N, C-alpha and C. Protein backbone atom coordinates (compact mmCIF):
# COMPACT_ATOMS: atom_id res chain seq x y z
N MET A 1 15.78 6.83 104.33
CA MET A 1 16.52 5.79 105.08
C MET A 1 18.15 5.64 104.77
N LYS A 2 18.99 5.99 105.73
CA LYS A 2 20.03 6.17 105.72
C LYS A 2 20.94 4.98 105.97
N ASP A 3 20.47 4.17 107.16
CA ASP A 3 21.32 3.07 107.42
C ASP A 3 21.24 2.09 106.75
N PRO A 4 21.99 1.27 105.79
CA PRO A 4 21.79 0.04 105.13
C PRO A 4 21.25 -0.92 105.86
N HIS A 5 21.35 -1.08 107.30
CA HIS A 5 20.69 -2.21 108.02
C HIS A 5 19.29 -2.01 108.03
N ASP A 6 18.75 -0.86 108.12
CA ASP A 6 17.40 -0.61 108.01
C ASP A 6 16.75 -0.98 106.79
N VAL A 7 17.40 -1.04 105.64
CA VAL A 7 16.91 -1.47 104.32
C VAL A 7 16.64 -2.83 103.99
N ILE A 8 17.81 -3.58 104.46
CA ILE A 8 17.79 -4.79 104.18
C ILE A 8 17.58 -5.59 105.60
N LEU A 9 16.19 -6.30 105.68
CA LEU A 9 15.77 -6.84 107.12
C LEU A 9 16.27 -8.16 107.35
N ARG A 10 16.37 -8.84 106.13
CA ARG A 10 16.60 -10.61 106.42
C ARG A 10 16.67 -11.19 105.27
N PRO A 11 17.74 -12.36 105.19
CA PRO A 11 17.61 -13.08 103.96
C PRO A 11 16.51 -13.98 103.84
N VAL A 12 15.79 -14.54 102.39
CA VAL A 12 15.06 -15.57 102.55
C VAL A 12 15.47 -16.64 102.09
N LEU A 13 15.33 -17.55 103.06
CA LEU A 13 15.92 -19.07 102.85
C LEU A 13 15.01 -20.18 102.71
N THR A 14 14.63 -20.20 101.20
CA THR A 14 13.71 -21.16 100.73
C THR A 14 14.15 -21.90 99.69
N GLU A 15 13.50 -23.11 99.33
CA GLU A 15 14.01 -23.77 98.21
C GLU A 15 14.51 -23.17 96.71
N LYS A 16 13.30 -22.05 96.37
CA LYS A 16 13.50 -21.43 95.32
C LYS A 16 14.88 -20.50 95.27
N ALA A 17 14.91 -19.79 96.56
CA ALA A 17 15.93 -19.04 96.91
C ALA A 17 17.25 -19.70 96.67
N TYR A 18 17.63 -21.30 97.10
CA TYR A 18 18.55 -21.67 97.26
C TYR A 18 18.97 -22.28 95.58
N ASP A 19 18.16 -22.51 95.03
CA ASP A 19 18.33 -22.58 93.32
C ASP A 19 19.03 -21.45 92.82
N GLY A 20 18.96 -20.37 93.30
CA GLY A 20 19.53 -19.30 92.37
C GLY A 20 20.94 -19.07 92.99
N LEU A 21 21.45 -19.44 94.03
CA LEU A 21 22.54 -19.35 94.46
C LEU A 21 23.97 -19.64 93.63
N ALA A 22 23.81 -20.65 92.97
CA ALA A 22 24.67 -20.90 91.80
C ALA A 22 24.91 -19.89 91.12
N ASP A 23 23.72 -19.43 90.58
CA ASP A 23 23.75 -18.02 89.63
C ASP A 23 24.31 -16.60 90.01
N LYS A 24 24.45 -16.75 91.29
CA LYS A 24 24.91 -15.59 92.18
C LYS A 24 23.51 -14.62 92.12
N ARG A 25 22.13 -15.45 92.62
CA ARG A 25 20.99 -14.57 92.41
C ARG A 25 20.90 -14.64 93.95
N TYR A 26 20.47 -13.79 94.64
CA TYR A 26 20.01 -13.99 96.39
C TYR A 26 18.76 -13.18 96.53
N VAL A 27 18.01 -13.81 97.63
CA VAL A 27 16.73 -13.01 98.04
C VAL A 27 16.78 -12.51 99.40
N PHE A 28 16.36 -11.31 99.28
CA PHE A 28 16.39 -10.62 100.98
C PHE A 28 14.98 -9.99 100.77
N GLU A 29 14.52 -10.10 102.01
CA GLU A 29 13.30 -9.35 102.57
C GLU A 29 13.88 -7.73 102.89
N VAL A 30 13.02 -6.76 102.14
CA VAL A 30 13.57 -5.41 102.53
C VAL A 30 12.38 -4.53 103.10
N HIS A 31 12.76 -3.46 103.37
CA HIS A 31 11.95 -2.40 103.92
C HIS A 31 10.77 -2.11 103.00
N PRO A 32 9.49 -2.27 103.14
CA PRO A 32 8.26 -1.89 102.32
C PRO A 32 8.82 -0.53 101.45
N SER A 33 9.34 0.53 101.76
CA SER A 33 9.43 1.66 101.14
C SER A 33 10.57 1.79 100.53
N ALA A 34 11.51 0.80 100.79
CA ALA A 34 12.66 0.75 100.20
C ALA A 34 12.60 0.81 98.44
N ASN A 35 13.45 1.52 97.78
CA ASN A 35 13.49 1.53 96.39
C ASN A 35 14.71 0.87 95.75
N LYS A 36 14.86 0.38 94.54
CA LYS A 36 15.76 -0.22 93.91
C LYS A 36 17.33 0.21 94.00
N ILE A 37 17.24 1.61 94.10
CA ILE A 37 18.50 1.90 94.03
C ILE A 37 19.02 2.10 95.75
N GLU A 38 18.02 2.15 96.55
CA GLU A 38 18.46 2.04 98.01
C GLU A 38 19.11 0.51 98.51
N ILE A 39 18.37 -0.12 97.56
CA ILE A 39 18.50 -1.88 97.97
C ILE A 39 20.12 -2.05 97.46
N ARG A 40 20.28 -1.48 96.07
CA ARG A 40 21.62 -2.02 95.71
C ARG A 40 22.74 -1.47 96.53
N GLN A 41 22.52 0.18 97.01
CA GLN A 41 23.58 0.70 97.83
C GLN A 41 23.60 -0.13 99.05
N ALA A 42 22.57 -0.22 99.69
CA ALA A 42 22.91 -1.34 100.90
C ALA A 42 23.31 -2.66 100.65
N LEU A 43 23.23 -3.20 99.61
CA LEU A 43 23.72 -4.60 99.72
C LEU A 43 25.55 -4.13 99.29
N GLU A 44 25.55 -3.34 98.47
CA GLU A 44 27.02 -3.12 98.13
C GLU A 44 27.86 -2.30 99.33
N SER A 45 27.17 -1.67 100.07
CA SER A 45 27.94 -1.37 101.34
C SER A 45 28.00 -2.43 102.62
N ILE A 46 27.01 -3.27 102.64
CA ILE A 46 26.93 -4.33 103.50
C ILE A 46 28.00 -5.16 103.39
N PHE A 47 27.81 -6.11 102.32
CA PHE A 47 28.36 -7.28 101.98
C PHE A 47 29.59 -6.96 100.83
N GLY A 48 29.87 -5.66 100.46
CA GLY A 48 31.10 -5.56 99.57
C GLY A 48 30.89 -6.24 98.18
N VAL A 49 29.99 -6.30 97.51
CA VAL A 49 29.46 -7.03 96.18
C VAL A 49 29.21 -6.10 95.30
N LYS A 50 29.22 -6.41 93.89
CA LYS A 50 28.90 -5.50 92.84
C LYS A 50 27.39 -6.25 92.24
N VAL A 51 26.45 -5.29 92.31
CA VAL A 51 25.03 -5.74 92.03
C VAL A 51 24.95 -5.32 90.46
N GLU A 52 24.51 -6.43 89.89
CA GLU A 52 24.12 -6.05 88.63
C GLU A 52 22.67 -5.62 88.32
N ARG A 53 21.71 -6.58 89.05
CA ARG A 53 20.43 -6.18 88.83
C ARG A 53 19.54 -6.48 90.20
N VAL A 54 18.48 -5.49 90.30
CA VAL A 54 17.72 -5.72 91.43
C VAL A 54 16.14 -5.70 90.89
N ASN A 55 15.44 -6.76 91.22
CA ASN A 55 14.12 -6.95 90.87
C ASN A 55 13.25 -7.23 92.41
N THR A 56 12.20 -6.45 92.42
CA THR A 56 11.29 -6.43 93.74
C THR A 56 9.99 -6.69 93.21
N LEU A 57 9.31 -7.62 94.62
CA LEU A 57 8.16 -7.98 94.57
C LEU A 57 7.34 -7.68 95.92
N ARG A 58 6.17 -7.18 95.80
CA ARG A 58 5.38 -7.09 97.13
C ARG A 58 4.33 -8.06 97.12
N THR A 59 4.18 -8.60 98.23
CA THR A 59 3.15 -9.69 98.50
C THR A 59 2.10 -8.95 99.59
N LEU A 60 0.89 -9.01 99.27
CA LEU A 60 -0.20 -8.80 100.19
C LEU A 60 -0.24 -9.47 101.34
N GLY A 61 -0.64 -9.13 102.68
CA GLY A 61 -0.89 -9.88 103.53
C GLY A 61 -2.18 -10.87 103.41
N LYS A 62 -2.15 -12.21 103.72
CA LYS A 62 -3.41 -13.15 103.95
C LYS A 62 -4.50 -12.57 105.00
N ILE A 63 -5.69 -12.79 104.61
CA ILE A 63 -6.57 -12.54 105.38
C ILE A 63 -6.76 -13.69 106.46
N LYS A 64 -6.68 -13.41 107.79
CA LYS A 64 -6.95 -14.39 108.84
C LYS A 64 -8.18 -13.84 109.55
N ARG A 65 -9.05 -15.05 110.17
CA ARG A 65 -10.13 -14.68 111.15
C ARG A 65 -9.80 -15.69 112.29
N GLN A 66 -10.51 -14.84 113.16
CA GLN A 66 -10.94 -15.33 114.67
C GLN A 66 -12.28 -15.19 114.90
N ASN A 67 -13.21 -15.98 114.82
CA ASN A 67 -14.56 -15.87 114.92
C ASN A 67 -15.01 -14.79 113.98
N LYS A 68 -15.68 -13.85 114.64
CA LYS A 68 -16.16 -12.53 113.68
C LYS A 68 -14.93 -11.35 113.52
N THR A 69 -13.86 -11.52 113.87
CA THR A 69 -12.86 -10.95 113.46
C THR A 69 -11.92 -11.02 112.56
N SER A 70 -11.91 -10.14 111.49
CA SER A 70 -10.71 -10.47 110.80
C SER A 70 -9.67 -9.54 110.49
N GLY A 71 -8.45 -9.98 109.98
CA GLY A 71 -7.43 -9.11 110.02
C GLY A 71 -6.54 -9.44 108.74
N ARG A 72 -5.38 -8.84 108.81
CA ARG A 72 -4.56 -9.22 107.80
C ARG A 72 -3.07 -9.69 108.37
N THR A 73 -2.26 -10.43 107.92
CA THR A 73 -0.71 -10.62 108.00
C THR A 73 0.16 -9.50 107.45
N PRO A 74 1.10 -9.00 107.78
CA PRO A 74 1.84 -7.99 107.29
C PRO A 74 2.39 -8.35 106.00
N GLU A 75 2.16 -7.13 105.20
CA GLU A 75 2.69 -7.12 103.59
C GLU A 75 4.21 -7.25 103.77
N ILE A 76 4.87 -8.09 102.96
CA ILE A 76 6.34 -8.08 103.05
C ILE A 76 6.90 -7.71 101.53
N LYS A 77 8.01 -7.04 101.21
CA LYS A 77 8.50 -6.60 99.95
C LYS A 77 9.80 -7.59 99.88
N LYS A 78 9.93 -8.34 98.82
CA LYS A 78 11.29 -9.16 98.48
C LYS A 78 12.18 -8.70 97.45
N ALA A 79 13.26 -8.62 97.57
CA ALA A 79 14.39 -8.13 96.61
C ALA A 79 15.01 -9.51 96.07
N TYR A 80 14.91 -9.74 94.79
CA TYR A 80 15.61 -10.58 94.25
C TYR A 80 16.92 -9.98 93.41
N VAL A 81 18.19 -10.00 93.93
CA VAL A 81 19.16 -9.49 93.72
C VAL A 81 20.37 -10.36 92.91
N THR A 82 20.97 -9.80 91.64
CA THR A 82 21.88 -10.70 90.75
C THR A 82 22.82 -9.97 90.84
N LEU A 83 23.99 -10.68 91.30
CA LEU A 83 25.47 -10.08 91.18
C LEU A 83 26.24 -10.10 89.92
N LYS A 84 27.25 -9.23 89.55
CA LYS A 84 27.98 -9.38 88.57
C LYS A 84 28.82 -10.50 88.50
N LYS A 85 29.20 -10.98 87.31
CA LYS A 85 29.94 -12.28 87.01
C LYS A 85 31.23 -11.80 87.69
N SER A 86 31.85 -10.63 87.82
CA SER A 86 33.13 -10.47 88.55
C SER A 86 33.00 -10.38 90.05
N SER A 87 31.89 -10.00 90.77
CA SER A 87 31.79 -9.97 91.91
C SER A 87 32.09 -11.15 92.70
N LYS A 88 32.18 -10.85 93.89
CA LYS A 88 32.54 -12.04 95.08
C LYS A 88 31.17 -12.63 95.38
N THR A 89 31.17 -13.60 96.04
CA THR A 89 29.78 -14.29 96.61
C THR A 89 29.79 -13.76 97.97
N ILE A 90 28.45 -13.70 98.45
CA ILE A 90 28.09 -13.43 99.69
C ILE A 90 28.58 -14.26 100.72
N GLU A 91 29.41 -14.42 101.91
CA GLU A 91 29.78 -15.58 102.74
C GLU A 91 28.90 -16.15 103.15
N PHE A 92 27.81 -15.12 103.80
CA PHE A 92 26.52 -15.93 104.53
C PHE A 92 26.03 -17.01 103.93
N PHE A 93 25.79 -17.05 102.30
CA PHE A 93 25.31 -18.18 101.51
C PHE A 93 26.15 -19.39 101.07
N ASP A 94 27.30 -18.80 101.47
CA ASP A 94 28.51 -19.89 100.70
C ASP A 94 28.51 -21.42 101.37
N GLY A 95 28.04 -21.71 102.31
CA GLY A 95 27.86 -23.25 103.00
C GLY A 95 26.59 -23.47 102.34
N MET A 96 25.56 -23.06 101.89
CA MET A 96 24.50 -23.43 101.72
C MET A 96 24.13 -23.69 100.35
N ALA A 97 25.21 -23.46 99.43
CA ALA A 97 24.88 -23.75 97.75
C ALA A 97 25.53 -24.87 97.87
N GLN A 98 25.03 -26.04 97.91
CA GLN A 98 25.40 -27.59 97.77
C GLN A 98 24.30 -27.95 97.18
């Protein structure tokens, strides 16, 4: 994966994610095959911040049924990113941390 925009897919905007904004902790949905080093480099190049720690979490898709046919919703991988104290915040989230 070369392009940082292929690694970081979208921000996760939930109540739990909003609680971490004051501590410079952000949540992103990332590509399922991305590792922590790729996630760190992608965030530093896209947003120009200094990343202290990256924690990842994979969630299996739920089983859904329609009559006799069953299938799964897609798996997702989330990255919980903590920025360094000296780092600037991410501008996208600035208006939401109230």
